[in-house]
Amino acid sequence: MDERRGTDAAGGVLVAATMILVAIREWGGGAVFSYASMATSVAALVLLSLNVRWSRRAFLVIGAALSAIAVATLPDWPGAIARALGGAAFIIAFFTALTSLRSAAISSKPVSDAGRFLADQPPGRRYLALTLGGALFGLILLYGAITLLGSLSRQSAQDEANPEITRIRLRRMMVAIQRGFIATLPWSPLTFAMAISTSLVPGSSWAAAVLPSLVSGLLLAGIGWALDTALKPRITGPRPVRRAPEGRWGRKLAPLLMLLAVLGALITGIHIATGVGVVGVVMVVVPLLSLLWMVEQDVLGHRRGVIGHVAERARDFATVEMAGLRAEVVLLAMAGFIGSLGSSLTAPLIADRGIDLAGISPYFLLLGIFWIIPITGQFGMNPILSASLIVPLLPLPAEMGVAPSAVILAITSGWALSGATSPYTASVMMVGQYGGVSALHAGLRWNGLYALICGIVLSGWIALAATIL
């Protein structure tokens, strides 16, 4: 057991080192930092994979097999493997930076109080409250938003004496949280959807893509609310009378909104002032803000030895928390590696067969990538893998005659649909777990009609946006 903890801790430290090295690279550091981040990411994956299930280790085996094929078949195999390793290091770094914010948020009493306030809203406004909560908490907690709000919602629903009401209430609460969460995926700079997409599409940026992608997020949230309202189930017995929880909305949500305002202002301001990409800014701002948040919690709690305690939490973040997320780190990083290297191997095959994707209608290509991501998600393909595999094969946006932001819009919108329906994504699995149903049931039975309607509406929006952007 001690040996296992030792390898996990070392892997966690290497994960944190990868974040630092990639951040320096994003801020203009030389090639040495890029190669160093590749080395630390490979070492971290090797150590963390020693204590994960074989279903996760299989990704490493596939990656090694693709690397061998690349060496045997690609003239530029060092470049192809380096690009794939760079992508894996980037994913590890971004995931680590975002997790640091979640680590600070978990110990915040105002955050848990705000979640309980939203979960305890009466039926007339509960769906909208939890959709808002799924979005706001998702920005700082990632999938932890579903964990926090899901556990509170389950506790709230189980307080009902009528089993029928319990079942209906829990389903509506969980899909509200999930749909609020996925509504942030198309536009937020704190999501993998935006970070990976902008790294794959040449000439793209978050600033150019945020407004059209925000429309997708509003459509995802609005359609969810409209569908819930239209298909609200009827209760056979009398409806219980409930009181709204004590407290005002502004006061309960103020700490969360203030944090997001500070985060947004810092990221946007530093991005504009320095010209550093938003993702690079996130990798620096988010961990530093997380440390300051921990300090603030200790100061307000009148804890002695604040600096020492925060330093201890930072150490535990690397050696315990990130080590505990070893399965997620291996899965996400290897999905990016396999997708990138698989794309490099596929491109020559397409060229040898004389397939000219530039001659295909850009609307067909954009809608194709939009639908491929959620469809392949039904068969176990992580959106990172799908996007990393398919997007590099597309013609450049200029060759398609569309703006880079239109391509970003198609990718991130499809990513969100996959997050609502794929039984292999963390969001669907967690919603099923807290809702007491299988991931397949939560993805297709609970969200099938929702995804179909969203898919049709978003297809129209993507086609329109490709014309006007």
Protein backbone atom coordinates (compact mmCIF):
# COMPACT_ATOMS: atom_id res chain seq x y z
CA MET A 1 0.00 0.00 0.00
CA ASP A 2 2.86 2.40 0.84
CA GLU A 3 4.50 1.66 -2.51
CA ARG A 4 1.22 2.37 -4.29
CA ARG A 5 0.80 5.65 -2.45
CA GLY A 6 4.38 6.53 -3.29
CA THR A 7 3.96 6.02 -7.04
CA ASP A 8 0.64 7.86 -7.01
CA ALA A 9 2.16 10.79 -5.10
CA ALA A 10 5.10 10.98 -7.48
CA GLY A 11 2.70 10.88 -10.42
CA GLY A 12 0.67 13.71 -8.86
CA VAL A 13 3.79 15.84 -8.43
CA LEU A 14 4.69 15.25 -12.08
CA VAL A 15 1.17 16.26 -13.09
CA ALA A 16 1.56 19.55 -11.20
CA ALA A 17 5.00 20.04 -12.78
CA THR A 18 3.44 19.51 -16.21
CA MET A 19 0.95 22.29 -15.50
CA ILE A 20 3.74 24.70 -14.58
CA LEU A 21 5.85 23.81 -17.63
CA VAL A 22 2.96 24.10 -20.07
CA ALA A 23 1.95 27.44 -18.54
CA ILE A 24 5.49 28.75 -19.09
CA ARG A 25 5.35 27.46 -22.67
CA GLU A 26 2.03 29.22 -23.26
CA TRP A 27 3.55 32.46 -21.95
CA GLY A 28 6.35 32.37 -24.50
CA GLY A 29 8.80 29.95 -22.97
CA GLY A 30 11.17 28.24 -25.38
CA ALA A 31 11.02 24.76 -26.84
CA VAL A 32 12.85 23.41 -23.79
CA PHE A 33 9.70 23.87 -21.70
CA SER A 34 7.61 22.13 -24.33
CA TYR A 35 9.88 19.09 -24.37
CA ALA A 36 10.15 19.11 -20.59
CA SER A 37 6.34 19.08 -20.28
CA MET A 38 6.20 16.11 -22.64
CA ALA A 39 8.72 14.25 -20.48
CA THR A 40 6.90 14.96 -17.22
CA SER A 41 3.54 14.03 -18.73
CA VAL A 42 4.86 10.68 -20.01
CA ALA A 43 6.43 9.93 -16.63
CA ALA A 44 3.22 10.93 -14.84
CA LEU A 45 1.09 8.69 -17.06
CA VAL A 46 3.41 5.73 -16.53
CA LEU A 47 3.33 6.09 -12.74
CA LEU A 48 -0.40 6.80 -12.47
CA SER A 49 -1.28 3.91 -14.79
CA LEU A 50 0.25 1.42 -12.36
CA ASN A 51 -2.77 1.79 -10.09
CA VAL A 52 -5.68 2.09 -12.53
CA ARG A 53 -7.95 -0.54 -14.04
CA TRP A 54 -6.95 -2.32 -17.21
CA SER A 55 -9.71 -0.51 -19.07
CA ARG A 56 -7.63 2.65 -18.54
CA ARG A 57 -4.28 0.98 -19.19
CA ALA A 58 -5.67 -0.18 -22.53
CA PHE A 59 -5.45 3.43 -23.70
CA LEU A 60 -1.71 3.37 -23.05
CA VAL A 61 -1.39 0.11 -24.99
CA ILE A 62 -3.29 1.62 -27.92
CA GLY A 63 -1.11 4.72 -27.77
CA ALA A 64 2.06 2.62 -27.81
CA ALA A 65 0.74 0.57 -30.76
CA LEU A 66 -0.10 3.71 -32.74
CA SER A 67 3.35 5.10 -31.97
CA ALA A 68 4.95 1.94 -33.37
CA ILE A 69 2.80 2.20 -36.52
CA ALA A 70 3.76 5.87 -36.89
CA VAL A 71 7.47 5.05 -36.65
CA ALA A 72 7.04 2.37 -39.29
CA THR A 73 4.90 4.31 -41.76
CA LEU A 74 5.27 8.08 -41.34
CA PRO A 75 8.31 9.92 -42.73
CA ASP A 76 7.76 12.67 -40.13
CA TRP A 77 6.99 10.34 -37.26
CA PRO A 78 9.01 12.34 -34.69
CA GLY A 79 6.89 15.41 -35.43
CA ALA A 80 3.63 13.46 -35.29
CA ILE A 81 4.49 11.86 -31.96
CA ALA A 82 5.74 15.18 -30.56
CA ARG A 83 2.45 16.87 -31.50
CA ALA A 84 0.49 14.09 -29.81
CA LEU A 85 2.63 14.28 -26.68
CA GLY A 86 2.29 18.05 -26.63
CA GLY A 87 -1.48 17.68 -26.80
CA ALA A 88 -1.46 15.17 -23.94
CA ALA A 89 0.68 17.49 -21.80
CA PHE A 90 -1.68 20.38 -22.58
CA ILE A 91 -4.70 18.35 -21.47
CA ILE A 92 -3.01 17.30 -18.22
CA ALA A 93 -2.02 20.90 -17.49
CA PHE A 94 -5.45 22.34 -18.22
CA PHE A 95 -7.23 19.66 -16.18
CA THR A 96 -4.87 20.25 -13.24
CA ALA A 97 -5.40 24.02 -13.32
CA LEU A 98 -9.18 23.67 -13.33
CA THR A 99 -9.10 21.06 -10.58
CA SER A 100 -7.19 23.47 -8.34
CA LEU A 101 -10.21 25.78 -8.35
CA ARG A 102 -12.50 22.90 -7.46
CA SER A 103 -10.18 21.97 -4.62
CA ALA A 104 -10.52 25.44 -3.13
CA ALA A 105 -14.28 25.58 -3.71
CA ILE A 106 -15.03 22.30 -1.95
CA SER A 107 -14.02 23.74 1.44
CA SER A 108 -15.99 26.97 0.95
CA LYS A 109 -19.10 27.20 3.15
CA PRO A 110 -20.75 29.92 0.99
CA VAL A 111 -20.52 27.60 -2.01
CA SER A 112 -22.23 24.71 -0.23
CA ASP A 113 -24.85 27.09 1.23
CA ALA A 114 -25.63 28.43 -2.25
CA GLY A 115 -26.02 24.90 -3.58
CA ARG A 116 -28.42 23.94 -0.80
CA PHE A 117 -30.43 27.14 -1.38
CA LEU A 118 -30.89 26.25 -5.08
CA ALA A 119 -31.74 22.60 -4.42
CA ASP A 120 -34.43 23.53 -1.88
CA GLN A 121 -36.37 25.87 -4.16
CA PRO A 122 -40.11 25.12 -4.56
CA PRO A 123 -41.32 23.37 -7.75
CA GLY A 124 -42.34 26.54 -9.59
CA ARG A 125 -38.77 27.78 -9.86
CA ARG A 126 -36.65 24.75 -8.97
CA TYR A 127 -35.81 23.74 -12.55
CA LEU A 128 -34.55 27.21 -13.49
CA ALA A 129 -32.71 27.49 -10.17
CA LEU A 130 -30.85 24.23 -10.71
CA THR A 131 -30.15 25.02 -14.36
CA LEU A 132 -28.59 28.28 -13.19
CA GLY A 133 -26.77 26.36 -10.47
CA GLY A 134 -25.48 23.76 -12.91
CA ALA A 135 -24.04 26.54 -15.05
CA LEU A 136 -22.56 28.67 -12.26
CA PHE A 137 -21.17 25.79 -10.24
CA GLY A 138 -19.97 24.07 -13.41
CA LEU A 139 -17.74 27.03 -14.17
CA ILE A 140 -15.75 26.57 -10.96
CA LEU A 141 -16.35 22.95 -9.95
CA LEU A 142 -16.44 21.21 -13.37
CA TYR A 143 -18.11 17.84 -12.84
CA GLY A 144 -18.00 18.59 -9.14
CA ALA A 145 -21.06 20.74 -9.79
CA ILE A 146 -23.07 17.60 -10.51
CA THR A 147 -21.60 15.94 -7.42
CA LEU A 148 -22.48 18.85 -5.11
CA LEU A 149 -25.90 19.73 -6.50
CA GLY A 150 -26.73 16.09 -7.25
CA SER A 151 -26.12 14.98 -3.67
CA LEU A 152 -28.14 17.91 -2.30
CA SER A 153 -30.95 17.26 -4.77
CA ARG A 154 -31.07 13.57 -3.93
CA GLN A 155 -31.27 14.37 -0.23
CA SER A 156 -34.01 16.92 -0.88
CA ALA A 157 -36.04 14.53 -3.06
CA GLN A 158 -35.80 11.67 -0.58
CA ASP A 159 -37.43 13.83 2.06
CA GLU A 160 -40.69 13.39 0.15
CA ALA A 161 -43.17 10.91 1.63
CA ASN A 162 -44.73 10.10 -1.77
CA PRO A 163 -42.46 7.75 -3.84
CA GLU A 164 -44.02 9.00 -7.07
CA ILE A 165 -43.10 12.58 -6.26
CA THR A 166 -39.62 11.49 -5.19
CA ARG A 167 -39.00 9.77 -8.54
CA ILE A 168 -40.33 12.65 -10.66
CA ARG A 169 -38.64 15.33 -8.59
CA LEU A 170 -35.26 13.63 -8.66
CA ARG A 171 -35.37 13.16 -12.44
CA ARG A 172 -36.29 16.79 -13.09
CA MET A 173 -33.67 18.07 -10.68
CA MET A 174 -30.88 15.97 -12.18
CA VAL A 175 -31.61 16.87 -15.80
CA ALA A 176 -31.85 20.55 -14.80
CA ILE A 177 -28.37 20.39 -13.25
CA GLN A 178 -26.95 18.51 -16.21
CA ARG A 179 -28.46 20.81 -18.82
CA GLY A 180 -27.21 23.86 -16.97
CA PHE A 181 -23.75 22.32 -16.82
CA ILE A 182 -23.56 21.40 -20.52
CA ALA A 183 -24.83 24.88 -21.46
CA THR A 184 -21.43 26.22 -20.35
CA LEU A 185 -19.43 23.81 -22.51
CA PRO A 186 -19.77 25.69 -25.83
CA TRP A 187 -18.54 29.09 -24.62
CA SER A 188 -16.70 29.01 -21.29
CA PRO A 189 -12.88 29.37 -21.43
CA LEU A 190 -12.78 27.03 -18.42
CA THR A 191 -13.97 23.97 -20.39
CA PHE A 192 -12.13 21.36 -22.38
CA ALA A 193 -14.52 21.92 -25.28
CA MET A 194 -13.28 25.47 -25.84
CA ALA A 195 -9.66 24.85 -24.84
CA ILE A 196 -9.19 21.81 -27.10
CA SER A 197 -11.13 23.33 -30.00
CA THR A 198 -9.12 26.54 -30.09
CA SER A 199 -5.89 24.51 -29.97
CA LEU A 200 -7.00 22.43 -32.96
CA VAL A 201 -8.42 25.11 -35.28
CA PRO A 202 -5.77 27.42 -36.78
CA GLY A 203 -6.53 31.11 -36.44
CA SER A 204 -9.22 30.60 -33.83
CA SER A 205 -9.54 32.33 -30.48
CA TRP A 206 -11.91 32.35 -27.55
CA ALA A 207 -12.59 36.07 -27.98
CA ALA A 208 -13.83 35.58 -31.55
CA ALA A 209 -15.87 32.45 -30.79
CA VAL A 210 -17.41 33.32 -27.43
CA LEU A 211 -20.48 35.24 -28.63
CA PRO A 212 -21.79 32.74 -31.22
CA SER A 213 -20.93 29.90 -28.84
CA LEU A 214 -22.77 31.68 -26.02
CA VAL A 215 -25.88 31.60 -28.21
CA SER A 216 -25.53 27.81 -28.34
CA GLY A 217 -25.34 27.72 -24.55
CA LEU A 218 -28.48 29.84 -24.22
CA LEU A 219 -30.30 27.60 -26.70
CA LEU A 220 -29.29 24.48 -24.76
CA ALA A 221 -30.54 25.96 -21.49
CA GLY A 222 -33.69 27.51 -22.97
CA ILE A 223 -34.78 24.40 -24.82
CA GLY A 224 -34.29 22.37 -21.66
CA TRP A 225 -36.52 24.71 -19.66
CA ALA A 226 -39.19 24.83 -22.40
CA LEU A 227 -39.24 21.04 -22.71
CA ASP A 228 -39.49 20.57 -18.95
CA THR A 229 -42.38 23.05 -18.83
CA ALA A 230 -44.21 21.44 -21.75
CA LEU A 231 -43.77 17.87 -20.55
CA LYS A 232 -44.19 18.45 -16.83
CA PRO A 233 -45.61 15.16 -15.43
CA ARG A 234 -48.93 15.09 -13.63
CA ILE A 235 -49.08 13.98 -10.02
CA THR A 236 -51.87 11.51 -9.26
CA GLY A 237 -52.24 12.60 -5.64
CA PRO A 238 -52.36 16.05 -4.01
CA ARG A 239 -49.30 18.24 -4.39
CA PRO A 240 -47.53 18.97 -1.11
CA VAL A 241 -47.17 22.58 -0.03
CA ARG A 242 -43.57 23.73 0.21
CA ARG A 243 -41.98 26.88 1.47
CA ALA A 244 -39.09 28.57 -0.23
CA PRO A 245 -35.78 28.35 1.67
CA GLU A 246 -34.83 31.29 3.82
CA GLY A 247 -32.51 33.88 2.36
CA ARG A 248 -32.36 36.18 -0.62
CA TRP A 249 -31.07 35.13 -4.01
CA GLY A 250 -28.62 38.00 -4.23
CA ARG A 251 -27.10 37.33 -0.83
CA LYS A 252 -26.86 33.56 -1.28
CA LEU A 253 -25.32 33.70 -4.74
CA ALA A 254 -23.20 36.82 -4.19
CA PRO A 255 -19.95 35.00 -3.22
CA LEU A 256 -20.21 32.73 -6.24
CA LEU A 257 -21.03 35.57 -8.63
CA MET A 258 -18.25 37.71 -7.19
CA LEU A 259 -15.72 34.90 -7.69
CA LEU A 260 -16.83 34.41 -11.30
CA ALA A 261 -16.72 38.17 -11.93
CA VAL A 262 -13.16 38.40 -10.58
CA LEU A 263 -12.13 35.32 -12.54
CA GLY A 264 -13.67 36.62 -15.75
CA ALA A 265 -12.21 40.09 -15.34
CA LEU A 266 -8.71 38.77 -14.63
CA ILE A 267 -8.70 36.30 -17.52
CA THR A 268 -10.11 38.77 -20.03
CA GLY A 269 -8.02 41.70 -18.82
CA ILE A 270 -4.72 39.81 -18.78
CA HIS A 271 -5.51 38.24 -22.16
CA ILE A 272 -6.12 41.67 -23.72
CA ALA A 273 -3.19 43.34 -21.98
CA THR A 274 -0.57 40.69 -22.72
CA GLY A 275 -1.80 39.00 -25.88
CA VAL A 276 -1.28 35.60 -24.24
CA GLY A 277 -3.92 33.07 -25.25
CA VAL A 278 -6.87 32.65 -22.92
CA VAL A 279 -5.88 29.08 -22.12
CA GLY A 280 -2.40 30.21 -21.09
CA VAL A 281 -3.91 32.89 -18.86
CA VAL A 282 -6.25 30.34 -17.29
CA MET A 283 -3.33 28.08 -16.41
CA VAL A 284 -1.75 30.86 -14.36
CA VAL A 285 -4.71 32.83 -13.02
CA VAL A 286 -6.83 29.90 -11.84
CA PRO A 287 -4.21 28.17 -9.63
CA LEU A 288 -3.11 31.50 -8.13
CA LEU A 289 -6.69 32.56 -7.46
CA SER A 290 -7.31 29.15 -5.88
CA LEU A 291 -4.42 29.68 -3.48
CA LEU A 292 -5.72 33.14 -2.56
CA TRP A 293 -9.19 31.68 -2.00
CA MET A 294 -7.72 29.13 0.41
CA VAL A 295 -5.94 31.93 2.25
CA GLU A 296 -9.19 33.91 2.46
CA GLN A 297 -11.04 30.90 3.90
CA ASP A 298 -8.38 30.45 6.59
CA VAL A 299 -8.29 34.15 7.45
CA LEU A 300 -12.08 34.38 7.76
CA GLY A 301 -12.05 31.18 9.80
CA HIS A 302 -9.43 32.65 12.18
CA ARG A 303 -7.07 29.73 11.55
CA ARG A 304 -3.54 30.05 12.88
CA GLY A 305 -0.57 29.41 10.64
CA VAL A 306 -2.38 30.32 7.43
CA ILE A 307 0.66 30.17 5.15
CA GLY A 308 1.71 26.78 6.45
CA HIS A 309 -1.79 25.38 6.15
CA VAL A 310 -2.21 26.62 2.58
CA ALA A 311 1.20 25.20 1.67
CA GLU A 312 0.08 21.87 3.15
CA ARG A 313 -3.12 21.98 1.09
CA ALA A 314 -1.10 22.74 -2.06
CA ARG A 315 1.14 19.74 -1.35
CA ASP A 316 -1.86 17.51 -0.73
CA PHE A 317 -3.46 18.77 -3.94
CA ALA A 318 -0.58 17.31 -5.94
CA THR A 319 0.25 14.20 -3.93
CA VAL A 320 -3.27 13.18 -2.86
CA GLU A 321 -6.00 14.88 -4.86
CA MET A 322 -4.45 14.73 -8.33
CA ALA A 323 -3.12 11.27 -7.56
CA GLY A 324 -6.68 10.25 -6.68
CA LEU A 325 -7.80 11.44 -10.11
CA ARG A 326 -5.30 9.15 -11.84
CA ALA A 327 -7.98 7.35 -13.87
CA GLU A 328 -9.33 10.65 -15.22
CA VAL A 329 -5.84 11.95 -16.01
CA VAL A 330 -4.92 8.80 -17.92
CA LEU A 331 -8.20 8.72 -19.83
CA LEU A 332 -8.20 12.40 -20.84
CA ALA A 333 -4.53 12.63 -21.76
CA MET A 334 -4.50 9.39 -23.75
CA ALA A 335 -7.72 10.34 -25.55
CA GLY A 336 -5.93 13.43 -26.83
CA PHE A 337 -2.77 11.50 -27.69
CA ILE A 338 -4.62 8.74 -29.56
CA GLY A 339 -6.81 11.23 -31.42
CA SER A 340 -3.87 13.39 -32.52
CA LEU A 341 -1.65 10.50 -33.60
CA GLY A 342 -4.59 8.72 -35.21
CA SER A 343 -5.27 11.85 -37.26
CA SER A 344 -1.64 11.95 -38.43
CA LEU A 345 -1.91 8.32 -39.52
CA THR A 346 -5.25 8.83 -41.26
CA ALA A 347 -4.33 11.95 -43.27
CA PRO A 348 -1.99 10.12 -45.72
CA LEU A 349 -4.63 7.45 -46.32
CA ILE A 350 -7.17 10.11 -47.28
CA ALA A 351 -4.64 11.82 -49.57
CA ASP A 352 -3.66 8.53 -51.26
CA ARG A 353 -7.29 7.89 -52.16
CA GLY A 354 -7.64 11.31 -53.73
CA ILE A 355 -10.30 12.50 -51.31
CA ASP A 356 -10.48 16.30 -51.42
CA LEU A 357 -12.41 17.52 -48.39
CA ALA A 358 -11.95 21.12 -49.55
CA GLY A 359 -14.36 20.40 -52.39
CA ILE A 360 -17.17 19.47 -49.99
CA SER A 361 -19.71 22.08 -48.92
CA PRO A 362 -18.54 23.82 -45.72
CA TYR A 363 -22.07 23.49 -44.32
CA PHE A 364 -21.87 19.72 -44.73
CA LEU A 365 -18.45 19.63 -43.04
CA LEU A 366 -19.54 21.81 -40.12
CA LEU A 367 -22.76 19.89 -39.53
CA GLY A 368 -20.83 16.66 -39.97
CA ILE A 369 -18.40 17.47 -37.16
CA PHE A 370 -21.28 18.73 -35.03
CA TRP A 371 -23.17 15.42 -35.30
CA ILE A 372 -20.18 13.06 -35.34
CA ILE A 373 -19.08 14.02 -31.82
CA PRO A 374 -22.33 13.03 -30.02
CA ILE A 375 -22.93 10.01 -32.30
CA THR A 376 -19.46 8.54 -31.72
CA GLY A 377 -19.97 9.29 -28.04
CA GLN A 378 -22.66 6.61 -28.00
CA PHE A 379 -19.98 4.06 -28.87
CA GLY A 380 -17.46 5.04 -26.24
CA MET A 381 -15.44 7.78 -27.96
CA ASN A 382 -14.56 10.64 -25.64
CA PRO A 383 -15.19 14.05 -27.26
CA ILE A 384 -11.48 14.84 -26.84
CA LEU A 385 -10.62 11.78 -28.91
CA SER A 386 -13.26 12.52 -31.56
CA ALA A 387 -12.25 16.16 -31.95
CA SER A 388 -8.50 15.43 -31.91
CA LEU A 389 -8.96 12.74 -34.54
CA ILE A 390 -11.34 14.48 -36.93
CA VAL A 391 -10.67 18.23 -36.76
CA PRO A 392 -7.05 18.09 -38.05
CA LEU A 393 -8.34 16.25 -41.13
CA LEU A 394 -10.63 19.14 -42.08
CA PRO A 395 -9.49 21.81 -44.55
CA LEU A 396 -8.37 25.09 -43.05
CA PRO A 397 -11.26 27.45 -42.32
CA ALA A 398 -10.08 29.78 -45.10
CA GLU A 399 -10.14 26.88 -47.56
CA MET A 400 -13.71 26.08 -46.50
CA GLY A 401 -14.69 29.72 -46.83
CA VAL A 402 -15.83 30.09 -43.21
CA ALA A 403 -14.52 31.91 -40.15
CA PRO A 404 -12.53 29.86 -37.59
CA SER A 405 -15.17 30.78 -35.00
CA ALA A 406 -17.79 28.90 -37.07
CA VAL A 407 -15.70 25.72 -36.79
CA ILE A 408 -15.30 26.28 -33.03
CA LEU A 409 -19.07 26.72 -32.78
CA ALA A 410 -19.73 23.39 -34.49
CA ILE A 411 -17.20 21.49 -32.35
CA THR A 412 -18.23 22.88 -28.98
CA SER A 413 -21.95 22.53 -29.70
CA GLY A 414 -21.47 18.88 -30.61
CA TRP A 415 -19.35 18.43 -27.50
CA ALA A 416 -22.24 19.71 -25.37
CA LEU A 417 -24.70 17.28 -26.97
CA SER A 418 -22.30 14.43 -26.24
CA GLY A 419 -22.20 15.59 -22.62
CA ALA A 420 -25.98 15.27 -22.47
CA THR A 421 -26.37 11.86 -24.09
CA SER A 422 -23.22 9.73 -24.17
CA PRO A 423 -23.32 7.05 -21.46
CA TYR A 424 -19.51 7.11 -21.47
CA THR A 425 -19.14 10.76 -20.40
CA ALA A 426 -18.67 11.71 -16.78
CA SER A 427 -21.68 14.04 -16.74
CA VAL A 428 -24.13 11.36 -17.88
CA MET A 429 -22.66 8.68 -15.63
CA MET A 430 -22.88 10.94 -12.59
CA VAL A 431 -26.43 12.06 -13.38
CA GLY A 432 -27.46 8.41 -13.69
CA GLN A 433 -25.73 7.56 -10.42
CA TYR A 434 -27.48 10.29 -8.42
CA GLY A 435 -30.75 9.72 -10.27
CA GLY A 436 -30.74 6.00 -9.48
CA VAL A 437 -30.73 4.88 -13.14
CA SER A 438 -28.15 3.56 -15.58
CA ALA A 439 -26.02 5.96 -17.63
CA LEU A 440 -27.71 4.68 -20.80
CA HIS A 441 -31.12 5.47 -19.31
CA ALA A 442 -30.03 8.94 -18.17
CA GLY A 443 -28.45 9.74 -21.53
CA LEU A 444 -31.09 8.50 -23.96
CA ARG A 445 -34.35 8.10 -22.00
CA TRP A 446 -34.02 11.30 -20.02
CA ASN A 447 -32.27 13.39 -22.67
CA GLY A 448 -33.00 11.72 -26.01
CA LEU A 449 -35.84 14.02 -27.09
CA TYR A 450 -34.02 17.02 -25.65
CA ALA A 451 -30.87 16.18 -27.63
CA LEU A 452 -32.84 15.66 -30.85
CA ILE A 453 -34.57 19.03 -30.57
CA CYS A 454 -31.33 20.77 -29.59
CA GLY A 455 -29.54 19.06 -32.47
CA ILE A 456 -32.05 20.34 -35.02
CA VAL A 457 -32.08 23.89 -33.62
CA LEU A 458 -28.30 24.05 -33.24
CA SER A 459 -27.83 22.72 -36.78
CA GLY A 460 -29.81 25.69 -38.03
CA TRP A 461 -27.82 28.07 -35.85
CA ILE A 462 -24.48 26.64 -37.04
CA ALA A 463 -25.51 26.99 -40.68
CA LEU A 464 -26.68 30.57 -40.11
CA ALA A 465 -23.56 31.47 -38.13
CA ALA A 466 -21.32 30.08 -40.89
CA THR A 467 -22.96 32.56 -43.25
CA ILE A 468 -22.83 35.67 -41.08
CA LEU A 469 -19.56 35.27 -39.13
